[in-house]
Amino acid sequence: MHEDPELAQARNFLVELRGHAQTLMRRRELASAGAAASATPFDAELTAVRQQIDKILNRFPALRPPTPRT
């Protein structure tokens, strides 16, 4: 069965965005290591990436990770 091309593209973009978010979080941690808690140059970009991830997940709910059952 073939996946919808838009869903497949969204899945690929989501993988890239999540990887970029991880990179930004690591850079932010390194930039703020040993310093008082303050905004880093990565905060604005990380916020924008997270907003894009949220938009994709709202547009394509099938891409949301399954919620664990309790």
Protein backbone atom coordinates (compact mmCIF):
# COMPACT_ATOMS: atom_id res chain seq x y z
CA MET A 1 0.00 0.00 0.00
CA HIS A 2 1.33 3.43 -0.92
CA GLU A 3 1.44 6.26 1.56
CA ASP A 4 -0.12 9.60 0.68
CA PRO A 5 2.68 11.76 -0.81
CA GLU A 6 1.83 14.72 1.45
CA LEU A 7 1.93 12.52 4.54
CA ALA A 8 5.24 10.99 3.45
CA GLN A 9 6.74 14.43 2.87
CA ALA A 10 5.43 15.65 6.23
CA ARG A 11 6.94 12.57 7.92
CA ASN A 12 10.35 13.28 6.38
CA PHE A 13 10.21 16.96 7.29
CA LEU A 14 9.17 16.08 10.84
CA VAL A 15 12.20 13.79 11.20
CA GLU A 16 14.47 16.61 10.02
CA LEU A 17 12.84 19.18 12.31
CA ARG A 18 13.11 16.89 15.34
CA GLY A 19 16.78 16.30 14.59
CA HIS A 20 17.34 20.04 14.25
CA ALA A 21 15.55 20.65 17.55
CA GLN A 22 17.83 18.11 19.26
CA THR A 23 20.90 19.85 17.81
CA LEU A 24 19.65 23.24 18.99
CA MET A 25 18.97 21.91 22.49
CA ARG A 26 22.50 20.48 22.72
CA ARG A 27 24.01 23.76 21.51
CA ARG A 28 21.89 25.70 23.98
CA GLU A 29 23.06 23.48 26.83
CA LEU A 30 26.69 23.96 25.82
CA ALA A 31 26.25 27.72 25.45
CA SER A 32 24.64 28.07 28.86
CA ALA A 33 26.87 25.58 30.72
CA GLY A 34 28.33 27.26 33.77
CA ALA A 35 26.45 30.48 33.13
CA ALA A 36 23.42 31.85 34.87
CA ALA A 37 20.11 30.88 33.26
CA SER A 38 19.58 33.35 30.45
CA ALA A 39 18.34 33.36 26.90
CA THR A 40 20.75 31.95 24.34
CA PRO A 41 20.87 32.72 20.64
CA PHE A 42 19.31 29.31 20.05
CA ASP A 43 16.10 29.94 22.01
CA ALA A 44 14.25 31.84 19.28
CA GLU A 45 15.14 29.29 16.62
CA LEU A 46 14.22 26.39 18.90
CA THR A 47 10.85 28.00 19.58
CA ALA A 48 10.24 28.40 15.84
CA VAL A 49 11.20 24.77 15.18
CA ARG A 50 8.87 23.56 17.92
CA GLN A 51 6.04 25.64 16.46
CA GLN A 52 6.63 24.08 13.04
CA ILE A 53 6.56 20.60 14.60
CA ASP A 54 3.25 21.43 16.29
CA LYS A 55 1.79 22.69 13.01
CA ILE A 56 2.77 19.50 11.19
CA LEU A 57 1.32 17.31 13.94
CA ASN A 58 -1.93 19.30 13.91
CA ARG A 59 -2.16 19.01 10.13
CA PHE A 60 -1.19 15.31 10.10
CA PRO A 61 -2.43 13.68 13.34
CA ALA A 62 -1.35 10.26 12.03
CA LEU A 63 2.25 11.38 12.67
CA ARG A 64 1.67 11.85 16.39
CA PRO A 65 3.43 9.27 18.53
CA PRO A 66 1.03 6.83 20.19
CA THR A 67 0.08 7.76 23.72
CA PRO A 68 1.03 5.15 26.31
CA ARG A 69 -1.83 3.32 27.94
CA THR A 70 -1.94 3.41 31.70
